[in-house]
Amino acid sequence: MKDAIEIIKAIPPLIWPIILCIVLWRLFPTIKLIASSRAFSVKIAGMEVSVQDATEQLRLQIEDLQKQVISLRSGAALDTVTSVETPSSAPAAQSAKGPAILWVDDKPSGNAFEIAQLKNRGVEVALALSTADALACLAKRDFAAVVSDMGRREEGAYRGNAGIELLHALKERDPDIAFLVYTGARRLDQAKAVVIGAGGDGATASPVELLEWVARKTGVN
């Protein structure tokens, strides 16, 4: 880790804007789509997203990228997702299209940018709106990893610990399943502790950290 940090510190300051530009270039198709749209919504990763929501998601992605660059330049820890890595010799779950993950969220359009980026990298993303939907999906096939929100509406009522309840159910079926909670920055440290205590990999509010975690679990860069 120290060697990696020293390498990062040695990178000339002028290189960081170039790195940021490369990442923004990857987001350019979505930026262009939003800028050229005259409608009230755009389609991202197969989901209808309002232009206002899409713009806000893009703003948060760029803001997170800026924070990550600042963190790297200051020599902070490279992996800020508090997690427990469980080594496994089993390959990532594969489909005809490539590795697959299950994403559980009652409002998947709020993650449209992240899902679009994963699909562009060759990761199949199956969506589930509830714990019941997720368990039904997992009964039919295997997934390399599961991403879940922490709180969501289940059977007409809001359940603040729905993500943890799902994790407990998953661990009964497969103790080694990779599980990450993707949530807001509020009470993030508490969410990390609870998820790890229940046997999950951790929690994050960062799109960059999320994509890095999925890349590790699926083997797709």
C-alpha atoms as a PDB file:
ATOM      1  CA  MET A   1       0.000   0.000   0.000  1.00  0.00           C
ATOM      2  CA  LYS A   2       2.806   2.435   0.897  1.00  0.00           C
ATOM      3  CA  ASP A   3       4.512   1.753  -2.438  1.00  0.00           C
ATOM      4  CA  ALA A   4       1.271   2.463  -4.300  1.00  0.00           C
ATOM      5  CA  ILE A   5       0.779   5.731  -2.442  1.00  0.00           C
ATOM      6  CA  GLU A   6       4.363   6.803  -3.198  1.00  0.00           C
ATOM      7  CA  ILE A   7       3.801   6.086  -6.891  1.00  0.00           C
ATOM      8  CA  ILE A   8       0.624   8.184  -6.839  1.00  0.00           C
ATOM      9  CA  LYS A   9       2.442  11.044  -5.104  1.00  0.00           C
ATOM     10  CA  ALA A  10       5.156  10.885  -7.770  1.00  0.00           C
ATOM     11  CA  ILE A  11       2.685  11.429 -10.615  1.00  0.00           C
ATOM     12  CA  PRO A  12       3.180  14.962 -11.962  1.00  0.00           C
ATOM     13  CA  PRO A  13       0.334  17.327 -10.993  1.00  0.00           C
ATOM     14  CA  LEU A  14      -0.413  18.031 -14.650  1.00  0.00           C
ATOM     15  CA  ILE A  15      -1.328  14.368 -15.201  1.00  0.00           C
ATOM     16  CA  TRP A  16      -4.366  14.485 -12.903  1.00  0.00           C
ATOM     17  CA  PRO A  17      -6.408  16.825 -15.129  1.00  0.00           C
ATOM     18  CA  ILE A  18      -5.671  14.447 -18.008  1.00  0.00           C
ATOM     19  CA  ILE A  19      -6.940  11.481 -15.979  1.00  0.00           C
ATOM     20  CA  LEU A  20     -10.089  13.407 -15.080  1.00  0.00           C
ATOM     21  CA  CYS A  21     -10.617  14.359 -18.735  1.00  0.00           C
ATOM     22  CA  ILE A  22     -10.371  10.698 -19.768  1.00  0.00           C
ATOM     23  CA  VAL A  23     -13.075   9.756 -17.278  1.00  0.00           C
ATOM     24  CA  LEU A  24     -15.275  12.637 -18.414  1.00  0.00           C
ATOM     25  CA  TRP A  25     -14.739  11.524 -22.016  1.00  0.00           C
ATOM     26  CA  ARG A  26     -16.247   8.167 -21.072  1.00  0.00           C
ATOM     27  CA  LEU A  27     -19.288  10.017 -19.749  1.00  0.00           C
ATOM     28  CA  PHE A  28     -19.499  12.211 -22.869  1.00  0.00           C
ATOM     29  CA  PRO A  29     -22.213  10.162 -24.662  1.00  0.00           C
ATOM     30  CA  THR A  30     -24.513  10.619 -21.673  1.00  0.00           C
ATOM     31  CA  ILE A  31     -23.611  14.303 -21.319  1.00  0.00           C
ATOM     32  CA  LYS A  32     -24.363  14.827 -25.020  1.00  0.00           C
ATOM     33  CA  LEU A  33     -27.667  12.977 -24.670  1.00  0.00           C
ATOM     34  CA  ILE A  34     -28.770  15.240 -21.822  1.00  0.00           C
ATOM     35  CA  ALA A  35     -27.587  18.434 -23.515  1.00  0.00           C
ATOM     36  CA  SER A  36     -29.325  17.658 -26.810  1.00  0.00           C
ATOM     37  CA  SER A  37     -32.579  16.429 -25.306  1.00  0.00           C
ATOM     38  CA  ARG A  38     -35.622  18.627 -25.758  1.00  0.00           C
ATOM     39  CA  ALA A  39     -37.852  16.192 -23.925  1.00  0.00           C
ATOM     40  CA  PHE A  40     -38.524  15.991 -20.204  1.00  0.00           C
ATOM     41  CA  SER A  41     -36.762  12.628 -19.900  1.00  0.00           C
ATOM     42  CA  VAL A  42     -33.922  10.628 -21.424  1.00  0.00           C
ATOM     43  CA  LYS A  43     -33.351   6.887 -21.638  1.00  0.00           C
ATOM     44  CA  ILE A  44     -30.264   5.652 -19.774  1.00  0.00           C
ATOM     45  CA  ALA A  45     -29.489   1.930 -19.383  1.00  0.00           C
ATOM     46  CA  GLY A  46     -32.962   1.201 -20.716  1.00  0.00           C
ATOM     47  CA  MET A  47     -34.680   3.307 -18.034  1.00  0.00           C
ATOM     48  CA  GLU A  48     -36.575   6.563 -18.410  1.00  0.00           C
ATOM     49  CA  VAL A  49     -34.887   9.235 -16.290  1.00  0.00           C
ATOM     50  CA  SER A  50     -36.030  12.833 -16.041  1.00  0.00           C
ATOM     51  CA  VAL A  51     -33.566  15.367 -17.427  1.00  0.00           C
ATOM     52  CA  GLN A  52     -33.438  16.974 -13.981  1.00  0.00           C
ATOM     53  CA  ASP A  53     -32.569  13.671 -12.273  1.00  0.00           C
ATOM     54  CA  ALA A  54     -30.053  12.784 -14.983  1.00  0.00           C
ATOM     55  CA  THR A  55     -28.337  16.141 -14.579  1.00  0.00           C
ATOM     56  CA  GLU A  56     -28.177  15.683 -10.808  1.00  0.00           C
ATOM     57  CA  GLN A  57     -26.740  12.166 -11.151  1.00  0.00           C
ATOM     58  CA  LEU A  58     -24.111  13.485 -13.548  1.00  0.00           C
ATOM     59  CA  ARG A  59     -23.225  16.288 -11.124  1.00  0.00           C
ATOM     60  CA  LEU A  60     -22.755  13.790  -8.296  1.00  0.00           C
ATOM     61  CA  GLN A  61     -20.580  11.556 -10.483  1.00  0.00           C
ATOM     62  CA  ILE A  62     -18.273  14.439 -11.404  1.00  0.00           C
ATOM     63  CA  GLU A  63     -18.179  15.633  -7.791  1.00  0.00           C
ATOM     64  CA  ASP A  64     -17.188  12.145  -6.650  1.00  0.00           C
ATOM     65  CA  LEU A  65     -14.458  11.951  -9.300  1.00  0.00           C
ATOM     66  CA  GLN A  66     -13.038  15.234  -8.058  1.00  0.00           C
ATOM     67  CA  LYS A  67     -13.001  13.941  -4.474  1.00  0.00           C
ATOM     68  CA  GLN A  68     -11.264  10.736  -5.558  1.00  0.00           C
ATOM     69  CA  VAL A  69      -8.542  12.653  -7.415  1.00  0.00           C
ATOM     70  CA  ILE A  70      -7.984  14.960  -4.431  1.00  0.00           C
ATOM     71  CA  SER A  71      -7.817  11.931  -2.129  1.00  0.00           C
ATOM     72  CA  LEU A  72      -5.252  10.191  -4.338  1.00  0.00           C
ATOM     73  CA  ARG A  73      -3.134  13.316  -4.701  1.00  0.00           C
ATOM     74  CA  SER A  74      -3.026  13.741  -0.937  1.00  0.00           C
ATOM     75  CA  GLY A  75      -1.847  10.139  -0.498  1.00  0.00           C
ATOM     76  CA  ALA A  76      -4.998   8.958   1.255  1.00  0.00           C
ATOM     77  CA  ALA A  77      -5.918   5.289   1.434  1.00  0.00           C
ATOM     78  CA  LEU A  78      -6.698   3.852  -1.981  1.00  0.00           C
ATOM     79  CA  ASP A  79      -9.607   1.667  -0.915  1.00  0.00           C
ATOM     80  CA  THR A  80     -12.030   3.702   1.167  1.00  0.00           C
ATOM     81  CA  VAL A  81     -14.763   1.103   1.024  1.00  0.00           C
ATOM     82  CA  THR A  82     -14.588  -0.526   4.420  1.00  0.00           C
ATOM     83  CA  SER A  83     -14.830  -4.155   3.441  1.00  0.00           C
ATOM     84  CA  VAL A  84     -13.945  -7.696   4.279  1.00  0.00           C
ATOM     85  CA  GLU A  85     -12.481  -9.512   1.291  1.00  0.00           C
ATOM     86  CA  THR A  86     -13.289 -13.214   1.321  1.00  0.00           C
ATOM     87  CA  PRO A  87     -10.971 -15.104  -1.037  1.00  0.00           C
ATOM     88  CA  SER A  88     -12.692 -17.580  -3.294  1.00  0.00           C
ATOM     89  CA  SER A  89     -11.452 -19.912  -5.987  1.00  0.00           C
ATOM     90  CA  ALA A  90     -14.829 -19.946  -7.704  1.00  0.00           C
ATOM     91  CA  PRO A  91     -15.019 -17.879 -10.915  1.00  0.00           C
ATOM     92  CA  ALA A  92     -17.442 -14.988 -11.209  1.00  0.00           C
ATOM     93  CA  ALA A  93     -20.948 -15.987 -12.266  1.00  0.00           C
ATOM     94  CA  GLN A  94     -21.093 -15.889 -16.046  1.00  0.00           C
ATOM     95  CA  SER A  95     -23.929 -15.536 -18.502  1.00  0.00           C
ATOM     96  CA  ALA A  96     -23.890 -15.665 -22.269  1.00  0.00           C
ATOM     97  CA  LYS A  97     -23.206 -11.917 -22.190  1.00  0.00           C
ATOM     98  CA  GLY A  98     -20.549 -11.974 -19.471  1.00  0.00           C
ATOM     99  CA  PRO A  99     -20.412 -11.734 -15.671  1.00  0.00           C
ATOM    100  CA  ALA A 100     -23.677 -10.823 -13.993  1.00  0.00           C
ATOM    101  CA  ILE A 101     -24.594  -8.966 -10.818  1.00  0.00           C
ATOM    102  CA  LEU A 102     -27.921  -8.451  -9.092  1.00  0.00           C
ATOM    103  CA  TRP A 103     -28.874  -4.873  -8.163  1.00  0.00           C
ATOM    104  CA  VAL A 104     -31.676  -4.499  -5.612  1.00  0.00           C
ATOM    105  CA  ASP A 105     -33.325  -1.082  -5.348  1.00  0.00           C
ATOM    106  CA  ASP A 106     -36.943   0.054  -5.359  1.00  0.00           C
ATOM    107  CA  LYS A 107     -35.950   3.069  -7.480  1.00  0.00           C
ATOM    108  CA  PRO A 108     -33.410   1.734 -10.009  1.00  0.00           C
ATOM    109  CA  SER A 109     -33.599   4.853 -12.181  1.00  0.00           C
ATOM    110  CA  GLY A 110     -31.643   6.631  -9.445  1.00  0.00           C
ATOM    111  CA  ASN A 111     -28.674   4.410 -10.340  1.00  0.00           C
ATOM    112  CA  ALA A 112     -29.040   4.688 -14.115  1.00  0.00           C
ATOM    113  CA  PHE A 113     -25.578   6.176 -14.672  1.00  0.00           C
ATOM    114  CA  GLU A 114     -23.796   3.488 -12.670  1.00  0.00           C
ATOM    115  CA  ILE A 115     -25.786   0.702 -14.334  1.00  0.00           C
ATOM    116  CA  ALA A 116     -25.058   2.136 -17.785  1.00  0.00           C
ATOM    117  CA  GLN A 117     -21.325   2.219 -17.032  1.00  0.00           C
ATOM    118  CA  LEU A 118     -21.360  -1.390 -15.827  1.00  0.00           C
ATOM    119  CA  LYS A 119     -23.188  -2.537 -18.944  1.00  0.00           C
ATOM    120  CA  ASN A 120     -20.695  -0.668 -21.116  1.00  0.00           C
ATOM    121  CA  ARG A 121     -17.939  -2.654 -19.394  1.00  0.00           C
ATOM    122  CA  GLY A 122     -19.633  -5.940 -20.236  1.00  0.00           C
ATOM    123  CA  VAL A 123     -21.336  -6.616 -16.903  1.00  0.00           C
ATOM    124  CA  GLU A 124     -24.902  -7.873 -17.067  1.00  0.00           C
ATOM    125  CA  VAL A 125     -27.056  -6.112 -14.454  1.00  0.00           C
ATOM    126  CA  ALA A 126     -30.259  -7.805 -13.328  1.00  0.00           C
ATOM    127  CA  LEU A 127     -32.670  -5.567 -11.423  1.00  0.00           C
ATOM    128  CA  ALA A 128     -34.863  -6.450  -8.444  1.00  0.00           C
ATOM    129  CA  LEU A 129     -37.212  -3.996  -6.745  1.00  0.00           C
ATOM    130  CA  SER A 130     -37.559  -5.797  -3.417  1.00  0.00           C
ATOM    131  CA  THR A 131     -36.094  -8.494  -1.199  1.00  0.00           C
ATOM    132  CA  ALA A 132     -38.708 -10.960  -2.454  1.00  0.00           C
ATOM    133  CA  ASP A 133     -37.812 -10.178  -6.073  1.00  0.00           C
ATOM    134  CA  ALA A 134     -34.108 -10.570  -5.274  1.00  0.00           C
ATOM    135  CA  LEU A 135     -34.551 -13.970  -3.637  1.00  0.00           C
ATOM    136  CA  ALA A 136     -36.655 -15.122  -6.592  1.00  0.00           C
ATOM    137  CA  CYS A 137     -33.888 -14.068  -9.001  1.00  0.00           C
ATOM    138  CA  LEU A 138     -31.223 -15.834  -6.938  1.00  0.00           C
ATOM    139  CA  ALA A 139     -33.297 -19.010  -6.867  1.00  0.00           C
ATOM    140  CA  LYS A 140     -33.137 -19.132 -10.667  1.00  0.00           C
ATOM    141  CA  ARG A 141     -29.464 -18.310 -11.293  1.00  0.00           C
ATOM    142  CA  ASP A 142     -26.133 -17.362  -9.744  1.00  0.00           C
ATOM    143  CA  PHE A 143     -24.627 -13.884  -9.635  1.00  0.00           C
ATOM    144  CA  ALA A 144     -21.050 -12.758  -9.106  1.00  0.00           C
ATOM    145  CA  ALA A 145     -22.188 -10.122  -6.601  1.00  0.00           C
ATOM    146  CA  VAL A 146     -25.209  -8.351  -5.145  1.00  0.00           C
ATOM    147  CA  VAL A 147     -25.596  -4.575  -4.755  1.00  0.00           C
ATOM    148  CA  SER A 148     -28.434  -3.282  -2.595  1.00  0.00           C
ATOM    149  CA  ASP A 149     -29.757  -0.052  -1.171  1.00  0.00           C
ATOM    150  CA  MET A 150     -30.156   0.080   2.603  1.00  0.00           C
ATOM    151  CA  GLY A 151     -33.735   1.283   2.979  1.00  0.00           C
ATOM    152  CA  ARG A 152     -36.632   0.797   0.563  1.00  0.00           C
ATOM    153  CA  ARG A 153     -40.348   0.196   0.387  1.00  0.00           C
ATOM    154  CA  GLU A 154     -41.258  -3.436   0.910  1.00  0.00           C
ATOM    155  CA  GLU A 155     -44.888  -4.548   0.542  1.00  0.00           C
ATOM    156  CA  GLY A 156     -46.202  -1.004   0.816  1.00  0.00           C
ATOM    157  CA  ALA A 157     -44.166   0.027   3.862  1.00  0.00           C
ATOM    158  CA  TYR A 158     -40.734   1.611   4.193  1.00  0.00           C
ATOM    159  CA  ARG A 159     -38.122  -0.654   5.795  1.00  0.00           C
ATOM    160  CA  GLY A 160     -34.965   1.166   6.821  1.00  0.00           C
ATOM    161  CA  ASN A 161     -32.954  -2.047   7.211  1.00  0.00           C
ATOM    162  CA  ALA A 162     -34.200  -3.843   4.098  1.00  0.00           C
ATOM    163  CA  GLY A 163     -30.636  -4.205   2.821  1.00  0.00           C
ATOM    164  CA  ILE A 164     -29.509  -5.951   6.007  1.00  0.00           C
ATOM    165  CA  GLU A 165     -32.570  -8.187   6.003  1.00  0.00           C
ATOM    166  CA  LEU A 166     -31.702  -9.207   2.449  1.00  0.00           C
ATOM    167  CA  LEU A 167     -28.085  -9.855   3.451  1.00  0.00           C
ATOM    168  CA  HIS A 168     -29.162 -12.166   6.291  1.00  0.00           C
ATOM    169  CA  ALA A 169     -31.372 -14.128   3.885  1.00  0.00           C
ATOM    170  CA  LEU A 170     -28.574 -14.381   1.318  1.00  0.00           C
ATOM    171  CA  LYS A 171     -26.000 -15.571   3.850  1.00  0.00           C
ATOM    172  CA  GLU A 172     -28.295 -18.438   4.847  1.00  0.00           C
ATOM    173  CA  ARG A 173     -28.187 -19.613   1.234  1.00  0.00           C
ATOM    174  CA  ASP A 174     -24.585 -18.762   0.383  1.00  0.00           C
ATOM    175  CA  PRO A 175     -22.168 -17.679   3.160  1.00  0.00           C
ATOM    176  CA  ASP A 176     -19.577 -16.539   0.582  1.00  0.00           C
ATOM    177  CA  ILE A 177     -21.793 -14.289  -1.519  1.00  0.00           C
ATOM    178  CA  ALA A 178     -20.325 -10.847  -2.308  1.00  0.00           C
ATOM    179  CA  PHE A 179     -22.636  -8.112  -1.023  1.00  0.00           C
ATOM    180  CA  LEU A 180     -22.303  -4.322  -1.016  1.00  0.00           C
ATOM    181  CA  VAL A 181     -24.736  -1.659   0.159  1.00  0.00           C
ATOM    182  CA  TYR A 182     -24.859   1.408  -2.103  1.00  0.00           C
ATOM    183  CA  THR A 183     -26.411   4.212  -0.136  1.00  0.00           C
ATOM    184  CA  GLY A 184     -26.270   7.923   0.600  1.00  0.00           C
ATOM    185  CA  ALA A 185     -23.448   9.591   2.494  1.00  0.00           C
ATOM    186  CA  ARG A 186     -25.635  10.155   5.547  1.00  0.00           C
ATOM    187  CA  ARG A 187     -24.787   7.624   8.287  1.00  0.00           C
ATOM    188  CA  LEU A 188     -22.426   5.851   5.898  1.00  0.00           C
ATOM    189  CA  ASP A 189     -19.986   4.793   8.624  1.00  0.00           C
ATOM    190  CA  GLN A 190     -22.831   3.225  10.572  1.00  0.00           C
ATOM    191  CA  ALA A 191     -24.032   1.389   7.462  1.00  0.00           C
ATOM    192  CA  LYS A 192     -20.521   0.028   6.822  1.00  0.00           C
ATOM    193  CA  ALA A 193     -20.258  -1.318  10.360  1.00  0.00           C
ATOM    194  CA  VAL A 194     -23.675  -2.977  10.238  1.00  0.00           C
ATOM    195  CA  VAL A 195     -23.079  -4.583   6.831  1.00  0.00           C
ATOM    196  CA  ILE A 196     -19.652  -5.926   7.773  1.00  0.00           C
ATOM    197  CA  GLY A 197     -21.033  -7.182  11.078  1.00  0.00           C
ATOM    198  CA  ALA A 198     -23.643  -9.150   9.134  1.00  0.00           C
ATOM    199  CA  GLY A 199     -20.999 -10.693   6.873  1.00  0.00           C
ATOM    200  CA  GLY A 200     -21.195  -8.327   3.894  1.00  0.00           C
ATOM    201  CA  ASP A 201     -18.358  -6.537   2.112  1.00  0.00           C
ATOM    202  CA  GLY A 202     -19.231  -3.043   3.273  1.00  0.00           C
ATOM    203  CA  ALA A 203     -21.044   0.066   2.093  1.00  0.00           C
ATOM    204  CA  THR A 204     -20.253   3.081  -0.047  1.00  0.00           C
ATOM    205  CA  ALA A 205     -21.827   6.248  -1.386  1.00  0.00           C
ATOM    206  CA  SER A 206     -19.146   6.683  -4.060  1.00  0.00           C
ATOM    207  CA  PRO A 207     -19.840   5.670  -7.690  1.00  0.00           C
ATOM    208  CA  VAL A 208     -16.092   5.231  -8.239  1.00  0.00           C
ATOM    209  CA  GLU A 209     -15.737   2.866  -5.283  1.00  0.00           C
ATOM    210  CA  LEU A 210     -18.836   0.967  -6.374  1.00  0.00           C
ATOM    211  CA  LEU A 211     -17.459   0.413  -9.887  1.00  0.00           C
ATOM    212  CA  GLU A 212     -14.075  -0.639  -8.476  1.00  0.00           C
ATOM    213  CA  TRP A 213     -15.747  -3.170  -6.176  1.00  0.00           C
ATOM    214  CA  VAL A 214     -17.822  -4.665  -8.994  1.00  0.00           C
ATOM    215  CA  ALA A 215     -14.695  -4.857 -11.168  1.00  0.00           C
ATOM    216  CA  ARG A 216     -12.909  -6.868  -8.465  1.00  0.00           C
ATOM    217  CA  LYS A 217     -15.832  -9.236  -8.012  1.00  0.00           C
ATOM    218  CA  THR A 218     -16.483  -9.807 -11.713  1.00  0.00           C
ATOM    219  CA  GLY A 219     -12.969  -9.549 -13.126  1.00  0.00           C
ATOM    220  CA  VAL A 220     -14.125  -6.903 -15.619  1.00  0.00           C
ATOM    221  CA  ASN A 221     -12.167  -3.645 -15.888  1.00  0.00           C
END
